[in-house]
Protein backbone atom coordinates (compact mmCIF):
# COMPACT_ATOMS: atom_id res chain seq x y z
CA MET A 1 119.49 119.13 110.08
CA SER A 2 115.53 118.84 109.26
CA TYR A 3 113.27 116.76 111.54
CA ASP A 4 110.18 115.47 111.22
CA PRO A 5 107.42 117.14 112.18
CA ASP A 6 105.22 114.46 113.01
CA GLN A 7 107.77 112.39 114.68
CA ARG A 8 108.80 114.98 117.08
CA LYS A 9 105.05 115.41 117.75
CA LEU A 10 103.86 111.86 118.44
CA LEU A 11 107.59 111.50 120.71
CA SER A 12 106.67 114.09 123.10
CA VAL A 13 103.04 113.70 123.73
CA VAL A 14 103.99 110.20 124.15
CA SER A 15 106.80 110.88 126.58
CA HIS A 16 104.12 113.66 128.32
CA GLY A 17 101.19 111.51 127.86
CA SER A 18 103.17 108.24 129.18
CA VAL A 19 102.97 110.16 133.10
CA ILE A 20 99.23 110.00 132.56
CA PHE A 21 98.43 106.30 131.67
CA THR A 22 101.12 104.91 133.89
CA THR A 23 101.36 106.09 137.63
CA THR A 24 103.89 103.51 138.36
CA LEU A 25 107.33 104.89 137.88
CA ILE A 26 109.01 102.16 136.40
CA PHE A 27 106.87 103.24 133.22
CA GLY A 28 106.39 106.91 134.24
CA LEU A 29 109.98 106.81 133.17
CA GLY A 30 110.98 104.07 131.13
CA ILE A 31 108.58 105.12 128.29
CA PRO A 32 110.33 108.65 128.31
CA LEU A 33 113.94 107.12 128.70
CA ALA A 34 113.44 104.70 125.58
CA ILE A 35 112.45 107.20 123.66
CA LEU A 36 115.80 110.16 124.89
CA LEU A 37 117.86 106.87 123.94
CA ILE A 38 116.06 106.05 120.48
CA SER A 39 115.23 109.62 119.20
CA ASP A 40 118.31 111.81 117.74
CA ASP A 41 116.28 114.27 117.75
CA PRO A 42 117.11 117.60 120.55
CA VAL A 43 112.77 118.81 121.06
CA VAL A 44 111.77 114.97 122.06
CA LYS A 45 115.23 114.40 124.26
CA SER A 46 113.81 117.91 126.03
CA ASN A 47 110.91 116.54 126.11
CA ALA A 48 111.69 113.00 126.99
CA LYS A 49 113.99 114.53 129.93
CA GLU A 50 111.00 117.31 130.86
CA ALA A 51 108.44 114.05 131.64
CA MET A 52 111.32 112.43 133.47
CA ASN A 53 111.80 115.58 135.84
CA PHE A 54 108.23 115.87 135.98
CA GLN A 55 107.62 112.24 136.99
CA LEU A 56 110.27 112.50 139.34
CA ASN A 57 108.55 115.80 140.81
CA VAL A 58 104.87 114.46 141.64
CA TRP A 59 106.89 111.00 143.22
CA ALA A 60 108.95 113.08 145.38
CA TRP A 61 106.22 115.77 146.16
CA SER A 62 103.43 113.04 146.98
CA ILE A 63 105.55 111.39 149.54
CA VAL A 64 106.22 114.69 151.50
CA ILE A 65 103.31 115.97 151.16
CA GLY A 66 101.01 112.74 151.76
CA ILE A 67 103.41 111.85 155.20
CA LEU A 68 102.90 115.30 156.07
CA THR A 69 99.14 115.53 155.53
CA PHE A 70 98.96 112.29 157.78
CA LEU A 71 100.61 113.73 160.18
CA THR A 72 98.25 116.93 160.69
CA LEU A 73 95.15 114.98 159.58
CA GLY A 74 95.33 111.52 160.04
CA LEU A 75 93.53 109.14 157.50
CA LEU A 76 91.22 112.48 156.84
CA GLY A 77 94.33 113.55 154.65
CA PHE A 78 93.38 110.30 152.13
CA ILE A 79 90.33 112.79 150.98
CA LEU A 80 93.07 114.85 149.42
CA ILE A 81 94.33 112.03 146.73
CA PRO A 82 91.91 113.20 144.45
CA LEU A 83 93.09 116.60 144.32
CA GLY A 84 96.81 115.51 143.55
CA PHE A 85 95.80 113.43 140.97
CA LEU A 86 93.86 116.38 139.30
CA ILE A 87 97.23 118.63 139.46
CA HIS A 88 99.09 115.52 138.15
CA TRP A 89 96.82 114.92 134.85
CA GLY A 90 95.88 118.55 134.55
CA MET A 91 99.99 119.35 134.26
CA SER A 92 100.19 116.19 131.84
CA ILE A 93 97.57 117.18 129.83
CA TRP A 94 98.46 121.03 129.39
CA ALA A 95 101.98 119.45 128.22
CA ILE A 96 100.40 117.39 125.64
CA LEU A 97 98.63 120.39 124.20
CA PHE A 98 101.29 122.89 124.24
CA VAL A 99 103.02 119.68 122.63
CA LEU A 100 100.62 119.71 119.56
CA GLY A 101 100.01 123.48 119.18
CA ASN A 102 104.30 124.45 119.48
CA VAL A 103 105.87 121.71 118.01
CA ASN A 104 109.40 123.42 117.27
CA GLN A 105 109.89 124.19 121.23
CA PRO A 106 110.57 121.87 124.26
CA VAL A 107 107.46 121.62 127.29
CA ARG A 108 108.90 123.70 130.59
CA TYR A 109 106.54 122.52 133.52
CA PRO A 110 106.36 125.31 136.12
CA PHE A 111 107.72 124.62 139.64
CA ILE A 112 109.72 121.52 139.54
CA LEU A 113 112.99 120.19 139.85
CA ARG A 114 115.27 119.50 137.33
CA PRO A 115 117.37 116.42 138.44
CA LEU A 116 118.24 115.41 134.92
């Protein structure tokens, strides 16, 4: 079966881009979930799942690292928050660039757990 490469690219970019533009868990998971449910393209579905897995990992690790940082550095640990956002957004931008260059291959974020 043949899939439209432009639609594949658009939906995959929106899945990974939602992680950047929505820092809330509801929209960060909701947009890729909606794409997962409406698309029948296997690459788009894989990218939507990967975007949701990445968002879940970001939230889970942010909580764990945030608590440990607060316990060890106290309020001084809040200086590290911008570093977390840079890594978060940097990985999402990398995924978007990957999708734009490799339309037929799903993204695989390194070093994340994949519950979905």
